[in-house]
N, C-alpha and C. Protein backbone atom coordinates (compact mmCIF):
# COMPACT_ATOMS: atom_id res chain seq x y z
N MET A 1 135.79 111.06 46.80
CA MET A 1 134.53 111.00 47.57
C MET A 1 133.68 112.22 47.22
N PRO A 2 132.43 112.05 46.84
CA PRO A 2 131.60 113.18 46.43
C PRO A 2 131.26 114.10 47.60
N VAL A 3 130.97 115.35 47.28
CA VAL A 3 130.48 116.29 48.28
C VAL A 3 129.07 115.85 48.68
N MET A 4 128.82 115.80 49.97
CA MET A 4 127.54 115.32 50.48
C MET A 4 126.63 116.50 50.83
N GLN A 5 125.35 116.31 50.61
CA GLN A 5 124.37 117.30 51.03
C GLN A 5 124.03 117.04 52.49
N PRO A 6 124.26 118.02 53.37
CA PRO A 6 123.96 117.80 54.79
C PRO A 6 122.46 117.68 55.03
N ASN A 7 122.11 116.96 56.07
CA ASN A 7 120.70 116.84 56.44
C ASN A 7 120.19 118.17 57.00
N LEU A 8 118.91 118.44 56.79
CA LEU A 8 118.30 119.59 57.44
C LEU A 8 118.30 119.36 58.95
N PRO A 9 118.55 120.40 59.74
CA PRO A 9 118.56 120.24 61.20
C PRO A 9 117.17 120.30 61.83
N TYR A 10 116.12 120.23 61.03
CA TYR A 10 114.74 120.29 61.51
C TYR A 10 113.85 119.68 60.44
N ALA A 11 112.60 119.40 60.79
CA ALA A 11 111.65 118.83 59.84
C ALA A 11 111.24 119.89 58.81
N LEU A 12 110.76 119.43 57.67
CA LEU A 12 110.38 120.35 56.60
C LEU A 12 109.28 121.32 57.02
N ASP A 13 108.41 120.90 57.94
CA ASP A 13 107.31 121.77 58.35
C ASP A 13 107.61 122.52 59.65
N ALA A 14 108.85 122.44 60.12
CA ALA A 14 109.18 123.00 61.44
C ALA A 14 109.21 124.53 61.46
N LEU A 15 109.30 125.16 60.29
CA LEU A 15 109.40 126.62 60.23
C LEU A 15 108.08 127.29 59.88
N GLU A 16 107.03 126.50 59.74
CA GLU A 16 105.72 127.08 59.46
C GLU A 16 105.20 127.83 60.69
N PRO A 17 104.41 128.90 60.49
CA PRO A 17 103.85 129.38 59.22
C PRO A 17 104.73 130.39 58.50
N HIS A 18 105.92 130.65 59.02
CA HIS A 18 106.76 131.71 58.45
C HIS A 18 107.50 131.27 57.20
N LEU A 19 107.77 129.98 57.09
CA LEU A 19 108.34 129.40 55.88
C LEU A 19 107.71 128.02 55.72
N SER A 20 106.97 127.85 54.64
CA SER A 20 106.17 126.63 54.48
C SER A 20 107.03 125.43 54.15
N ALA A 21 106.47 124.26 54.42
CA ALA A 21 107.14 123.02 54.06
C ALA A 21 107.36 122.94 52.56
N ALA A 22 106.42 123.48 51.78
CA ALA A 22 106.56 123.47 50.32
C ALA A 22 107.76 124.29 49.87
N SER A 23 107.94 125.47 50.47
CA SER A 23 109.08 126.31 50.10
C SER A 23 110.39 125.67 50.54
N LEU A 24 110.38 125.12 51.75
CA LEU A 24 111.59 124.49 52.27
C LEU A 24 111.96 123.27 51.44
N SER A 25 110.97 122.50 51.07
CA SER A 25 111.21 121.32 50.25
C SER A 25 111.76 121.70 48.88
N LEU A 26 111.22 122.75 48.29
CA LEU A 26 111.69 123.20 46.98
C LEU A 26 113.15 123.63 47.06
N GLY A 27 113.48 124.38 48.10
CA GLY A 27 114.86 124.85 48.23
C GLY A 27 115.83 123.73 48.54
N TYR A 28 115.46 122.87 49.48
CA TYR A 28 116.39 121.83 49.93
C TYR A 28 116.43 120.64 48.98
N GLU A 29 115.27 120.12 48.64
CA GLU A 29 115.21 118.87 47.89
C GLU A 29 115.43 119.06 46.39
N ARG A 30 115.19 120.27 45.90
CA ARG A 30 115.40 120.50 44.47
C ARG A 30 116.64 121.34 44.20
N TYR A 31 116.68 122.57 44.70
CA TYR A 31 117.75 123.49 44.31
C TYR A 31 119.07 123.20 45.02
N HIS A 32 119.02 122.89 46.31
CA HIS A 32 120.26 122.52 46.99
C HIS A 32 120.79 121.20 46.42
N ARG A 33 119.88 120.25 46.24
CA ARG A 33 120.28 118.97 45.67
C ARG A 33 120.88 119.14 44.27
N MET A 34 120.29 120.01 43.47
CA MET A 34 120.79 120.26 42.12
C MET A 34 122.21 120.83 42.16
N ALA A 35 122.45 121.76 43.09
CA ALA A 35 123.79 122.35 43.20
C ALA A 35 124.81 121.28 43.57
N VAL A 36 124.47 120.43 44.52
CA VAL A 36 125.38 119.36 44.94
C VAL A 36 125.65 118.39 43.79
N ASP A 37 124.60 117.97 43.10
CA ASP A 37 124.76 117.00 42.01
C ASP A 37 125.56 117.59 40.86
N THR A 38 125.31 118.86 40.54
CA THR A 38 126.04 119.50 39.45
C THR A 38 127.52 119.64 39.80
N LEU A 39 127.79 120.01 41.05
CA LEU A 39 129.18 120.11 41.49
C LEU A 39 129.88 118.77 41.40
N ASN A 40 129.24 117.73 41.90
CA ASN A 40 129.88 116.40 41.88
C ASN A 40 130.11 115.92 40.46
N ALA A 41 129.21 116.25 39.55
CA ALA A 41 129.41 115.87 38.15
C ALA A 41 130.61 116.59 37.55
N ARG A 42 130.86 117.81 37.99
CA ARG A 42 131.99 118.57 37.47
C ARG A 42 133.33 118.07 38.00
N ILE A 43 133.35 117.59 39.22
CA ILE A 43 134.64 117.27 39.84
C ILE A 43 134.98 115.78 39.86
N VAL A 44 134.07 114.93 39.39
CA VAL A 44 134.33 113.50 39.42
C VAL A 44 135.60 113.18 38.62
N ASP A 45 136.42 112.31 39.16
CA ASP A 45 137.66 111.87 38.50
C ASP A 45 138.59 113.04 38.17
N SER A 46 138.61 114.03 39.04
CA SER A 46 139.49 115.18 38.84
C SER A 46 140.33 115.40 40.10
N ASP A 47 141.16 116.42 40.08
CA ASP A 47 141.97 116.75 41.25
C ASP A 47 141.12 117.22 42.43
N TYR A 48 139.85 117.50 42.16
CA TYR A 48 138.94 117.97 43.20
C TYR A 48 138.19 116.84 43.90
N SER A 49 138.21 115.66 43.33
CA SER A 49 137.26 114.62 43.73
C SER A 49 137.43 114.15 45.17
N ASP A 50 138.62 114.30 45.75
CA ASP A 50 138.85 113.85 47.12
C ASP A 50 138.90 115.01 48.12
N LEU A 51 138.51 116.20 47.69
CA LEU A 51 138.58 117.38 48.55
C LEU A 51 137.26 117.63 49.25
N SER A 52 137.34 118.27 50.41
CA SER A 52 136.13 118.71 51.10
C SER A 52 135.54 119.90 50.34
N LEU A 53 134.33 120.27 50.68
CA LEU A 53 133.69 121.41 50.02
C LEU A 53 134.52 122.68 50.22
N ASP A 54 134.98 122.93 51.44
CA ASP A 54 135.82 124.11 51.69
C ASP A 54 137.08 124.08 50.83
N GLN A 55 137.69 122.92 50.71
CA GLN A 55 138.90 122.80 49.91
C GLN A 55 138.62 122.99 48.42
N VAL A 56 137.47 122.52 47.97
CA VAL A 56 137.08 122.72 46.58
C VAL A 56 136.94 124.21 46.27
N ILE A 57 136.27 124.93 47.19
CA ILE A 57 136.08 126.37 46.99
C ILE A 57 137.43 127.08 46.97
N ASP A 58 138.28 126.76 47.91
CA ASP A 58 139.58 127.42 47.99
C ASP A 58 140.41 127.16 46.73
N ARG A 59 140.47 125.91 46.28
CA ARG A 59 141.25 125.57 45.10
C ARG A 59 140.66 126.20 43.84
N ALA A 60 139.34 126.13 43.70
CA ALA A 60 138.70 126.68 42.51
C ALA A 60 138.90 128.19 42.42
N ARG A 61 138.86 128.86 43.57
CA ARG A 61 139.09 130.32 43.57
C ARG A 61 140.54 130.64 43.19
N ARG A 62 141.48 129.89 43.74
CA ARG A 62 142.89 130.14 43.45
C ARG A 62 143.24 129.85 41.99
N HIS A 63 142.57 128.84 41.40
CA HIS A 63 142.87 128.44 40.03
C HIS A 63 141.88 129.03 39.03
N ASN A 64 140.98 129.89 39.50
CA ASN A 64 140.01 130.57 38.63
C ASN A 64 139.17 129.58 37.83
N GLU A 65 138.76 128.50 38.50
CA GLU A 65 137.86 127.52 37.88
C GLU A 65 136.43 127.98 38.15
N ARG A 66 135.91 128.84 37.30
CA ARG A 66 134.67 129.56 37.60
C ARG A 66 133.45 128.66 37.70
N ALA A 67 133.33 127.67 36.83
CA ALA A 67 132.15 126.81 36.86
C ALA A 67 132.11 125.98 38.15
N ILE A 68 133.26 125.44 38.52
CA ILE A 68 133.33 124.67 39.76
C ILE A 68 133.07 125.58 40.95
N LEU A 69 133.67 126.75 40.94
CA LEU A 69 133.50 127.69 42.05
C LEU A 69 132.04 128.09 42.21
N LYS A 70 131.35 128.34 41.12
CA LYS A 70 129.94 128.73 41.18
C LYS A 70 129.10 127.66 41.87
N ASP A 71 129.25 126.42 41.44
CA ASP A 71 128.44 125.35 42.02
C ASP A 71 128.85 125.04 43.46
N ALA A 72 130.14 125.15 43.75
CA ALA A 72 130.60 124.90 45.12
C ALA A 72 130.10 125.99 46.07
N CYS A 73 130.15 127.24 45.63
CA CYS A 73 129.67 128.34 46.47
C CYS A 73 128.16 128.24 46.68
N GLU A 74 127.44 127.90 45.64
CA GLU A 74 125.99 127.75 45.78
C GLU A 74 125.67 126.63 46.78
N THR A 75 126.42 125.54 46.71
CA THR A 75 126.24 124.44 47.65
C THR A 75 126.52 124.91 49.08
N TRP A 76 127.59 125.64 49.26
CA TRP A 76 127.95 126.14 50.59
C TRP A 76 126.89 127.11 51.10
N ASN A 77 126.43 128.01 50.25
CA ASN A 77 125.43 129.00 50.66
C ASN A 77 124.17 128.33 51.19
N TYR A 78 123.70 127.31 50.48
CA TYR A 78 122.50 126.61 50.95
C TYR A 78 122.73 125.97 52.31
N GLY A 79 123.87 125.31 52.46
CA GLY A 79 124.14 124.66 53.74
C GLY A 79 124.19 125.65 54.89
N PHE A 80 124.77 126.82 54.64
CA PHE A 80 124.86 127.84 55.67
C PHE A 80 123.48 128.45 55.95
N PHE A 81 122.69 128.63 54.91
CA PHE A 81 121.35 129.18 55.07
C PHE A 81 120.50 128.32 55.98
N TRP A 82 120.54 127.00 55.79
CA TRP A 82 119.74 126.12 56.65
C TRP A 82 120.17 126.24 58.11
N GLN A 83 121.45 126.45 58.35
CA GLN A 83 121.93 126.62 59.73
C GLN A 83 121.42 127.92 60.36
N ASN A 84 121.15 128.91 59.53
CA ASN A 84 120.69 130.21 60.03
C ASN A 84 119.24 130.19 60.49
N LEU A 85 118.50 129.15 60.12
CA LEU A 85 117.08 129.07 60.43
C LEU A 85 116.84 128.18 61.64
N LYS A 86 115.84 128.56 62.44
CA LYS A 86 115.54 127.80 63.65
C LYS A 86 114.06 127.94 63.98
N PRO A 87 113.37 126.84 64.28
CA PRO A 87 111.97 126.97 64.72
C PRO A 87 111.88 127.91 65.93
N SER A 88 110.99 128.87 65.85
CA SER A 88 110.82 129.88 66.89
C SER A 88 112.06 130.75 67.06
N GLY A 89 112.89 130.80 66.04
CA GLY A 89 114.05 131.68 66.07
C GLY A 89 113.62 133.13 65.96
N GLY A 90 114.52 134.04 66.22
CA GLY A 90 114.24 135.46 66.10
C GLY A 90 113.52 136.06 67.28
N ARG A 91 112.88 135.25 68.10
CA ARG A 91 112.15 135.79 69.24
C ARG A 91 113.09 136.33 70.29
N ARG A 92 114.21 135.65 70.45
CA ARG A 92 115.23 136.16 71.34
C ARG A 92 115.98 137.28 70.64
N GLU A 93 116.40 138.26 71.40
CA GLU A 93 117.21 139.33 70.84
C GLU A 93 118.64 138.83 70.65
N PRO A 94 119.41 139.50 69.81
CA PRO A 94 120.83 139.12 69.67
C PRO A 94 121.54 139.19 71.02
N THR A 95 122.63 138.45 71.13
CA THR A 95 123.42 138.53 72.35
C THR A 95 123.84 139.97 72.60
N ARG A 96 124.19 140.25 73.84
CA ARG A 96 124.51 141.63 74.21
C ARG A 96 125.65 142.21 73.37
N SER A 97 126.69 141.40 73.16
CA SER A 97 127.83 141.90 72.39
C SER A 97 127.45 142.13 70.93
N LEU A 98 126.65 141.22 70.36
CA LEU A 98 126.21 141.39 68.98
C LEU A 98 125.27 142.58 68.85
N ALA A 99 124.37 142.75 69.82
CA ALA A 99 123.45 143.89 69.79
C ALA A 99 124.23 145.21 69.82
N LYS A 100 125.30 145.25 70.60
CA LYS A 100 126.12 146.46 70.66
C LYS A 100 126.77 146.73 69.32
N MET A 101 127.23 145.68 68.66
CA MET A 101 127.86 145.85 67.35
C MET A 101 126.85 146.34 66.32
N LEU A 102 125.63 145.78 66.36
CA LEU A 102 124.59 146.22 65.44
C LEU A 102 124.22 147.67 65.68
N ALA A 103 124.14 148.05 66.96
CA ALA A 103 123.81 149.43 67.29
C ALA A 103 124.92 150.38 66.86
N ARG A 104 126.14 149.96 67.03
CA ARG A 104 127.27 150.81 66.64
C ARG A 104 127.31 151.02 65.12
N GLU A 105 126.97 149.96 64.37
CA GLU A 105 127.06 150.03 62.91
C GLU A 105 125.82 150.65 62.27
N PHE A 106 124.64 150.30 62.81
CA PHE A 106 123.39 150.69 62.14
C PHE A 106 122.54 151.67 62.95
N GLY A 107 122.93 151.94 64.18
CA GLY A 107 122.16 152.84 65.03
C GLY A 107 121.37 152.11 66.09
N SER A 108 120.81 150.95 65.72
CA SER A 108 120.04 150.11 66.64
C SER A 108 119.76 148.79 65.95
N THR A 109 119.34 147.81 66.74
CA THR A 109 118.93 146.53 66.16
C THR A 109 117.72 146.72 65.26
N ALA A 110 116.79 147.59 65.68
CA ALA A 110 115.60 147.86 64.86
C ALA A 110 115.97 148.47 63.52
N GLU A 111 116.94 149.37 63.52
CA GLU A 111 117.38 150.00 62.27
C GLU A 111 118.06 148.98 61.37
N PHE A 112 118.83 148.07 61.97
CA PHE A 112 119.41 146.99 61.17
C PHE A 112 118.33 146.17 60.50
N ARG A 113 117.30 145.81 61.25
CA ARG A 113 116.21 145.02 60.68
C ARG A 113 115.56 145.76 59.51
N SER A 114 115.35 147.05 59.67
CA SER A 114 114.72 147.84 58.63
C SER A 114 115.58 147.89 57.37
N ARG A 115 116.87 148.11 57.55
CA ARG A 115 117.77 148.19 56.40
C ARG A 115 117.91 146.85 55.71
N PHE A 116 117.92 145.78 56.48
CA PHE A 116 118.02 144.44 55.90
C PHE A 116 116.79 144.14 55.05
N ALA A 117 115.60 144.48 55.57
CA ALA A 117 114.36 144.25 54.83
C ALA A 117 114.33 145.09 53.56
N SER A 118 114.78 146.33 53.63
CA SER A 118 114.81 147.20 52.46
C SER A 118 115.76 146.64 51.40
N ALA A 119 116.91 146.15 51.84
CA ALA A 119 117.87 145.56 50.91
C ALA A 119 117.29 144.31 50.25
N ALA A 120 116.54 143.53 51.03
CA ALA A 120 115.90 142.33 50.47
C ALA A 120 114.89 142.69 49.39
N GLN A 121 114.09 143.73 49.64
CA GLN A 121 113.10 144.14 48.66
C GLN A 121 113.77 144.63 47.38
N ALA A 122 114.89 145.33 47.53
CA ALA A 122 115.59 145.86 46.37
C ALA A 122 116.19 144.75 45.51
N LYS A 123 116.58 143.64 46.15
CA LYS A 123 117.26 142.56 45.43
C LYS A 123 116.42 141.29 45.34
N GLY A 124 115.17 141.34 45.80
CA GLY A 124 114.34 140.14 45.83
C GLY A 124 114.22 139.47 44.48
N GLY A 125 114.43 138.15 44.47
CA GLY A 125 114.31 137.38 43.24
C GLY A 125 115.64 136.86 42.73
N GLU A 126 116.73 137.25 43.37
CA GLU A 126 118.04 136.79 42.90
C GLU A 126 119.05 136.81 44.05
N GLY A 127 119.94 135.86 44.04
CA GLY A 127 121.11 135.90 44.89
C GLY A 127 120.88 135.71 46.38
N TRP A 128 121.83 136.23 47.16
CA TRP A 128 121.90 136.01 48.60
C TRP A 128 122.17 137.33 49.31
N LEU A 129 121.48 137.57 50.42
CA LEU A 129 121.66 138.78 51.21
C LEU A 129 122.35 138.40 52.52
N TRP A 130 123.43 139.11 52.84
CA TRP A 130 124.30 138.72 53.94
C TRP A 130 124.38 139.79 55.02
N LEU A 131 124.54 139.34 56.25
CA LEU A 131 125.12 140.14 57.31
C LEU A 131 126.53 139.60 57.48
N ALA A 132 127.52 140.49 57.35
CA ALA A 132 128.90 140.04 57.37
C ALA A 132 129.74 140.93 58.26
N SER A 133 130.86 140.38 58.68
CA SER A 133 131.83 141.11 59.48
C SER A 133 133.13 141.21 58.70
N SER A 134 133.73 142.39 58.74
CA SER A 134 135.03 142.59 58.09
C SER A 134 135.86 143.49 58.98
N ALA A 135 137.02 143.85 58.50
CA ALA A 135 137.90 144.71 59.29
C ALA A 135 137.26 146.06 59.56
N ASP A 136 136.31 146.45 58.72
CA ASP A 136 135.64 147.75 58.88
C ASP A 136 134.38 147.67 59.74
N GLY A 137 134.03 146.48 60.22
CA GLY A 137 132.82 146.32 61.04
C GLY A 137 131.77 145.48 60.35
N LEU A 138 130.53 145.60 60.79
CA LEU A 138 129.43 144.84 60.22
C LEU A 138 128.89 145.54 58.98
N ARG A 139 128.37 144.75 58.05
CA ARG A 139 127.76 145.33 56.86
C ARG A 139 126.71 144.39 56.30
N ILE A 140 125.77 144.97 55.58
CA ILE A 140 124.78 144.22 54.81
C ILE A 140 125.24 144.24 53.36
N CYS A 141 125.31 143.08 52.74
CA CYS A 141 125.78 143.05 51.35
C CYS A 141 125.07 141.94 50.59
N PHE A 142 125.25 141.96 49.29
CA PHE A 142 124.53 141.06 48.39
C PHE A 142 125.51 140.38 47.46
N THR A 143 125.28 139.10 47.18
CA THR A 143 126.02 138.40 46.14
C THR A 143 125.04 137.76 45.17
N HIS A 144 125.41 137.74 43.90
CA HIS A 144 124.56 137.14 42.89
C HIS A 144 124.61 135.62 43.01
N ASP A 145 123.67 134.96 42.34
CA ASP A 145 123.64 133.49 42.33
C ASP A 145 125.02 132.94 42.00
N GLY A 146 125.44 131.96 42.77
CA GLY A 146 126.71 131.32 42.49
C GLY A 146 127.91 132.03 43.07
N ALA A 147 127.69 133.11 43.83
CA ALA A 147 128.79 133.79 44.51
C ALA A 147 128.55 133.70 46.01
N SER A 148 129.63 133.78 46.78
CA SER A 148 129.54 133.59 48.22
C SER A 148 130.57 134.44 48.93
N LEU A 149 130.34 134.70 50.20
CA LEU A 149 131.33 135.39 51.02
C LEU A 149 132.30 134.43 51.70
N THR A 150 132.01 133.13 51.64
CA THR A 150 132.92 132.19 52.26
C THR A 150 134.28 132.22 51.57
N HIS A 151 135.33 132.04 52.36
CA HIS A 151 136.70 132.06 51.84
C HIS A 151 137.05 133.41 51.23
N THR A 152 136.52 134.48 51.82
CA THR A 152 136.89 135.84 51.42
C THR A 152 137.38 136.57 52.67
N GLU A 153 137.66 137.84 52.52
CA GLU A 153 138.14 138.62 53.66
C GLU A 153 137.00 138.99 54.62
N SER A 154 135.77 138.75 54.21
CA SER A 154 134.61 138.98 55.08
C SER A 154 134.19 137.68 55.74
N THR A 155 133.69 137.78 56.97
CA THR A 155 133.15 136.62 57.67
C THR A 155 131.63 136.64 57.56
N PRO A 156 131.03 135.66 56.89
CA PRO A 156 129.57 135.62 56.83
C PRO A 156 128.97 135.27 58.18
N LEU A 157 128.05 136.09 58.65
CA LEU A 157 127.39 135.85 59.94
C LEU A 157 126.00 135.27 59.75
N ALA A 158 125.30 135.72 58.72
CA ALA A 158 123.96 135.23 58.41
C ALA A 158 123.70 135.48 56.93
N VAL A 159 122.84 134.65 56.35
CA VAL A 159 122.50 134.83 54.94
C VAL A 159 121.03 134.50 54.72
N LEU A 160 120.43 135.22 53.80
CA LEU A 160 119.03 134.98 53.41
C LEU A 160 119.00 134.68 51.92
N ASN A 161 118.39 133.57 51.57
CA ASN A 161 118.24 133.19 50.16
C ASN A 161 117.16 134.07 49.53
N LEU A 162 117.56 134.88 48.55
CA LEU A 162 116.61 135.77 47.89
C LEU A 162 116.14 135.24 46.54
N SER A 163 116.50 134.02 46.20
CA SER A 163 115.96 133.43 44.97
C SER A 163 114.44 133.36 45.05
N LYS A 164 113.79 133.54 43.93
CA LYS A 164 112.34 133.60 43.91
C LYS A 164 111.70 132.37 44.54
N HIS A 165 112.27 131.21 44.28
CA HIS A 165 111.67 129.98 44.79
C HIS A 165 111.67 129.93 46.32
N ALA A 166 112.56 130.70 46.95
CA ALA A 166 112.70 130.62 48.41
C ALA A 166 111.52 131.25 49.15
N PHE A 167 110.83 132.20 48.51
CA PHE A 167 109.79 132.93 49.25
C PHE A 167 108.51 133.20 48.48
N PHE A 168 108.48 132.97 47.16
CA PHE A 168 107.32 133.39 46.37
C PHE A 168 106.04 132.68 46.80
N GLN A 169 106.13 131.39 47.14
CA GLN A 169 104.92 130.65 47.53
C GLN A 169 104.32 131.20 48.81
N ASP A 170 105.15 131.78 49.67
CA ASP A 170 104.68 132.27 50.97
C ASP A 170 104.44 133.77 51.00
N TYR A 171 105.21 134.53 50.21
CA TYR A 171 105.16 135.99 50.31
C TYR A 171 104.94 136.70 48.97
N GLY A 172 104.74 135.95 47.91
CA GLY A 172 104.58 136.58 46.61
C GLY A 172 105.84 137.36 46.25
N ASN A 173 105.66 138.61 45.84
CA ASN A 173 106.80 139.45 45.49
C ASN A 173 107.31 140.30 46.67
N ASP A 174 106.75 140.07 47.84
CA ASP A 174 107.09 140.91 48.99
C ASP A 174 108.32 140.35 49.70
N ALA A 175 109.49 140.62 49.13
CA ALA A 175 110.73 140.13 49.72
C ALA A 175 111.02 140.79 51.07
N ALA A 176 110.52 142.02 51.27
CA ALA A 176 110.73 142.69 52.55
C ALA A 176 110.00 141.96 53.67
N ALA A 177 108.76 141.51 53.41
CA ALA A 177 108.01 140.75 54.41
C ALA A 177 108.71 139.43 54.73
N TYR A 178 109.26 138.82 53.72
CA TYR A 178 110.03 137.58 53.89
C TYR A 178 111.25 137.83 54.78
N ALA A 179 111.97 138.93 54.51
CA ALA A 179 113.14 139.26 55.32
C ALA A 179 112.75 139.59 56.76
N LYS A 180 111.65 140.28 56.94
CA LYS A 180 111.19 140.60 58.29
C LYS A 180 110.84 139.32 59.05
N ALA A 181 110.18 138.39 58.38
CA ALA A 181 109.85 137.11 59.02
C ALA A 181 111.12 136.35 59.40
N PHE A 182 112.11 136.42 58.54
CA PHE A 182 113.39 135.79 58.82
C PHE A 182 114.00 136.35 60.10
N LEU A 183 114.02 137.68 60.24
CA LEU A 183 114.65 138.31 61.39
C LEU A 183 113.81 138.23 62.66
N GLU A 184 112.50 138.18 62.52
CA GLU A 184 111.62 138.20 63.69
C GLU A 184 111.21 136.81 64.18
N HIS A 185 111.26 135.81 63.29
CA HIS A 185 110.73 134.50 63.67
C HIS A 185 111.64 133.31 63.36
N LEU A 186 112.67 133.49 62.54
CA LEU A 186 113.41 132.34 62.05
C LEU A 186 114.90 132.35 62.33
N ILE A 187 115.53 133.51 62.38
CA ILE A 187 116.98 133.55 62.48
C ILE A 187 117.47 132.99 63.82
N ASP A 188 118.54 132.23 63.75
CA ASP A 188 119.16 131.68 64.96
C ASP A 188 120.29 132.62 65.35
N TRP A 189 120.03 133.52 66.29
CA TRP A 189 121.02 134.51 66.69
C TRP A 189 122.24 133.88 67.33
N ASP A 190 122.08 132.68 67.91
CA ASP A 190 123.23 132.00 68.50
C ASP A 190 124.24 131.63 67.43
N VAL A 191 123.75 131.21 66.25
CA VAL A 191 124.65 130.90 65.14
C VAL A 191 125.37 132.16 64.68
N VAL A 192 124.62 133.25 64.57
CA VAL A 192 125.22 134.52 64.15
C VAL A 192 126.33 134.92 65.11
N ALA A 193 126.04 134.87 66.41
CA ALA A 193 127.04 135.26 67.41
C ALA A 193 128.25 134.33 67.36
N SER A 194 128.02 133.05 67.17
CA SER A 194 129.13 132.10 67.16
C SER A 194 130.06 132.35 65.99
N MET A 195 129.52 132.85 64.87
CA MET A 195 130.35 133.11 63.70
C MET A 195 131.34 134.24 63.95
N LEU A 196 131.03 135.12 64.89
CA LEU A 196 131.95 136.20 65.22
C LEU A 196 133.22 135.66 65.88
N ASP A 197 133.09 134.49 66.52
CA ASP A 197 134.22 133.90 67.23
C ASP A 197 134.82 132.70 66.50
N ASP A 198 134.12 132.22 65.48
CA ASP A 198 134.55 131.00 64.79
C ASP A 198 134.91 131.37 63.36
N ARG A 199 136.16 131.28 63.01
CA ARG A 199 136.62 131.72 61.69
C ARG A 199 136.79 130.56 60.72
N ARG A 200 136.07 129.49 60.93
CA ARG A 200 136.18 128.35 60.02
C ARG A 200 135.83 128.71 58.59
N TYR A 201 134.93 129.71 58.44
CA TYR A 201 134.45 130.07 57.11
C TYR A 201 135.22 131.23 56.51
N LEU A 202 136.25 131.70 57.22
CA LEU A 202 137.06 132.80 56.72
C LEU A 202 138.33 132.23 56.12
N ARG A 203 138.69 132.69 54.93
CA ARG A 203 139.88 132.18 54.27
C ARG A 203 141.10 132.39 55.14
N ALA A 204 141.90 131.35 55.27
CA ALA A 204 143.10 131.44 56.10
C ALA A 204 144.07 132.48 55.52
N ALA A 205 144.70 133.24 56.41
CA ALA A 205 145.65 134.27 55.94
C ALA A 205 146.92 133.62 55.40
């Protein structure tokens, strides 16, 4: 059974004006779709063909099947990214427990936002920017295209797509402004908080 592309949890224009329907359509209907189709073409009639996406990632990582792993991780990243976005998101502050964790790690929620935006500007145009949890606490980190934090020792809490197509139509080269809009208007803090308690995306010990 092929890996399926999940439906968007909102309409293409639901995130405007902070993320346009054109940008969302390009990411979802072209690049996410391409990752899914490429992955399915690689695994058809193979030992992977009846596995779930999580199982494909786990097996490909264990067997060092780099091409399959790249497309599977890219597919997973897109699916997780869409879950991180919410119409009128970001207006609510993080939950009290999450806010405390951000303050403990970064000094304050405002400082976290600033560091996240700076990291986005430094890496804008490629890969994925993450807020993640590990044994050492919260951290901001980056993975290149085709790499993911899923099924690693880190728990992904939130991710921002830094590929050029994700923000250029709306923000030009200003990846920091894109990241600020993500944190102030789009991020679903409830999803972030739930990931702290839900280890579905963390590789089993």
